[in-house]
Amino acid sequence: MDIIARDGATLVFVEVKARDSHAFGRGGRSGDAVQAPPDRAARARLHARDITSSNCPCRFDVVSIHFDAGEPVIEVFQGAFDATV
């Protein structure tokens, strides 16, 4: 996880993917970004603080950054994959 933030009462884990071209697909659509379950670090952090989905809503987002013609194009995929924490 690249960023851990709050969106109101929701704890949000954010994976950031950047690409300088579309040759290998868009960052937010890369298989590891969208299909992977939350990584162990996120689970460990939640467990260490006794945080569960019943006492704190959690969400896993992906931010895709690609550089078209030198200008960054940013897309946010909220709730990119479901996870039970």
C-alpha atoms as a PDB file:
ATOM      1  CA  MET A   1       0.000   0.000   0.000  1.00  0.00           C
ATOM      2  CA  ASP A   2       1.307   3.395  -0.941  1.00  0.00           C
ATOM      3  CA  ILE A   3      -1.095   5.596   0.998  1.00  0.00           C
ATOM      4  CA  ILE A   4      -3.242   5.083   4.078  1.00  0.00           C
ATOM      5  CA  ALA A   5      -5.833   7.813   4.529  1.00  0.00           C
ATOM      6  CA  ARG A   6      -9.296   8.594   5.849  1.00  0.00           C
ATOM      7  CA  ASP A   7     -12.365   9.436   3.825  1.00  0.00           C
ATOM      8  CA  GLY A   8     -14.737  10.502   6.573  1.00  0.00           C
ATOM      9  CA  ALA A   9     -15.048   7.511   8.895  1.00  0.00           C
ATOM     10  CA  THR A  10     -13.631   5.111   6.262  1.00  0.00           C
ATOM     11  CA  LEU A  11     -10.015   3.962   6.415  1.00  0.00           C
ATOM     12  CA  VAL A  12      -8.685   3.899   2.847  1.00  0.00           C
ATOM     13  CA  PHE A  13      -5.701   1.910   1.599  1.00  0.00           C
ATOM     14  CA  VAL A  14      -4.462   3.269  -1.724  1.00  0.00           C
ATOM     15  CA  GLU A  15      -2.229   1.584  -4.275  1.00  0.00           C
ATOM     16  CA  VAL A  16      -0.676   4.033  -6.761  1.00  0.00           C
ATOM     17  CA  LYS A  17       0.282   2.830 -10.229  1.00  0.00           C
ATOM     18  CA  ALA A  18       2.105   5.055 -12.715  1.00  0.00           C
ATOM     19  CA  ARG A  19       2.809   4.472 -16.397  1.00  0.00           C
ATOM     20  CA  ASP A  20       4.624   6.636 -18.888  1.00  0.00           C
ATOM     21  CA  SER A  21       2.732   5.096 -21.814  1.00  0.00           C
ATOM     22  CA  HIS A  22      -0.185   2.785 -22.543  1.00  0.00           C
ATOM     23  CA  ALA A  23       2.130   0.159 -24.077  1.00  0.00           C
ATOM     24  CA  PHE A  24       1.539  -2.193 -21.148  1.00  0.00           C
ATOM     25  CA  GLY A  25      -1.973  -1.033 -20.292  1.00  0.00           C
ATOM     26  CA  ARG A  26      -3.287   1.630 -17.999  1.00  0.00           C
ATOM     27  CA  GLY A  27      -1.929   1.709 -14.466  1.00  0.00           C
ATOM     28  CA  GLY A  28      -5.282   1.332 -12.783  1.00  0.00           C
ATOM     29  CA  ARG A  29      -6.089  -1.689 -14.885  1.00  0.00           C
ATOM     30  CA  SER A  30      -2.909  -3.629 -14.188  1.00  0.00           C
ATOM     31  CA  GLY A  31      -3.702  -7.085 -12.865  1.00  0.00           C
ATOM     32  CA  ASP A  32      -1.857  -6.683  -9.594  1.00  0.00           C
ATOM     33  CA  ALA A  33      -3.586  -3.375  -8.867  1.00  0.00           C
ATOM     34  CA  VAL A  34      -7.171  -4.427  -9.437  1.00  0.00           C
ATOM     35  CA  GLN A  35      -7.297  -8.157  -8.777  1.00  0.00           C
ATOM     36  CA  ALA A  36      -4.915  -8.594  -5.863  1.00  0.00           C
ATOM     37  CA  PRO A  37      -6.318  -8.827  -2.367  1.00  0.00           C
ATOM     38  CA  PRO A  38      -5.029  -6.324   0.186  1.00  0.00           C
ATOM     39  CA  ASP A  39      -1.405  -6.982   0.916  1.00  0.00           C
ATOM     40  CA  ARG A  40      -0.122  -8.416   4.165  1.00  0.00           C
ATOM     41  CA  ALA A  41       1.074  -5.059   5.432  1.00  0.00           C
ATOM     42  CA  ALA A  42      -2.465  -3.662   5.332  1.00  0.00           C
ATOM     43  CA  ARG A  43      -3.865  -6.705   7.117  1.00  0.00           C
ATOM     44  CA  ALA A  44      -1.093  -6.618   9.726  1.00  0.00           C
ATOM     45  CA  ARG A  45      -1.644  -2.910  10.378  1.00  0.00           C
ATOM     46  CA  LEU A  46      -5.368  -3.449  10.890  1.00  0.00           C
ATOM     47  CA  HIS A  47      -4.842  -6.492  13.096  1.00  0.00           C
ATOM     48  CA  ALA A  48      -2.248  -4.726  15.276  1.00  0.00           C
ATOM     49  CA  ARG A  49      -4.733  -1.946  15.993  1.00  0.00           C
ATOM     50  CA  ASP A  50      -7.676  -4.332  16.426  1.00  0.00           C
ATOM     51  CA  ILE A  51      -9.453  -2.736  13.479  1.00  0.00           C
ATOM     52  CA  THR A  52     -12.098  -4.806  11.723  1.00  0.00           C
ATOM     53  CA  SER A  53     -14.751  -3.962   9.171  1.00  0.00           C
ATOM     54  CA  SER A  54     -17.289  -4.120  11.983  1.00  0.00           C
ATOM     55  CA  ASN A  55     -15.666  -1.297  13.967  1.00  0.00           C
ATOM     56  CA  CYS A  56     -14.152   0.731  11.118  1.00  0.00           C
ATOM     57  CA  PRO A  57     -15.204   0.637   7.469  1.00  0.00           C
ATOM     58  CA  CYS A  58     -12.253   0.056   5.137  1.00  0.00           C
ATOM     59  CA  ARG A  59     -11.828   0.552   1.413  1.00  0.00           C
ATOM     60  CA  PHE A  60      -9.085  -0.346  -1.043  1.00  0.00           C
ATOM     61  CA  ASP A  61      -8.568   2.125  -3.897  1.00  0.00           C
ATOM     62  CA  VAL A  62      -6.233   2.341  -6.862  1.00  0.00           C
ATOM     63  CA  VAL A  63      -4.877   5.605  -8.263  1.00  0.00           C
ATOM     64  CA  SER A  64      -3.666   5.409 -11.843  1.00  0.00           C
ATOM     65  CA  ILE A  65      -1.278   8.036 -13.175  1.00  0.00           C
ATOM     66  CA  HIS A  66      -0.267   8.010 -16.806  1.00  0.00           C
ATOM     67  CA  PHE A  67       1.626  10.618 -18.719  1.00  0.00           C
ATOM     68  CA  ASP A  68      -0.002  11.424 -22.050  1.00  0.00           C
ATOM     69  CA  ALA A  69       1.963  14.006 -24.020  1.00  0.00           C
ATOM     70  CA  GLY A  70       3.879  14.899 -20.866  1.00  0.00           C
ATOM     71  CA  GLU A  71       0.781  15.843 -18.882  1.00  0.00           C
ATOM     72  CA  PRO A  72      -0.284  13.548 -16.040  1.00  0.00           C
ATOM     73  CA  VAL A  73      -3.723  11.974 -16.311  1.00  0.00           C
ATOM     74  CA  ILE A  74      -4.975  10.800 -12.927  1.00  0.00           C
ATOM     75  CA  GLU A  75      -7.812   8.339 -12.387  1.00  0.00           C
ATOM     76  CA  VAL A  76      -9.095   7.126  -9.021  1.00  0.00           C
ATOM     77  CA  PHE A  77     -10.788   3.748  -8.750  1.00  0.00           C
ATOM     78  CA  GLN A  78     -12.604   3.725  -5.419  1.00  0.00           C
ATOM     79  CA  GLY A  79     -13.323   0.278  -4.029  1.00  0.00           C
ATOM     80  CA  ALA A  80     -11.094  -1.278  -6.700  1.00  0.00           C
ATOM     81  CA  PHE A  81     -11.484  -4.662  -5.075  1.00  0.00           C
ATOM     82  CA  ASP A  82     -13.453  -6.050  -2.184  1.00  0.00           C
ATOM     83  CA  ALA A  83     -11.647  -7.375   0.803  1.00  0.00           C
ATOM     84  CA  THR A  84     -12.572  -8.785   4.144  1.00  0.00           C
ATOM     85  CA  VAL A  85     -10.350  -7.437   6.886  1.00  0.00           C
END
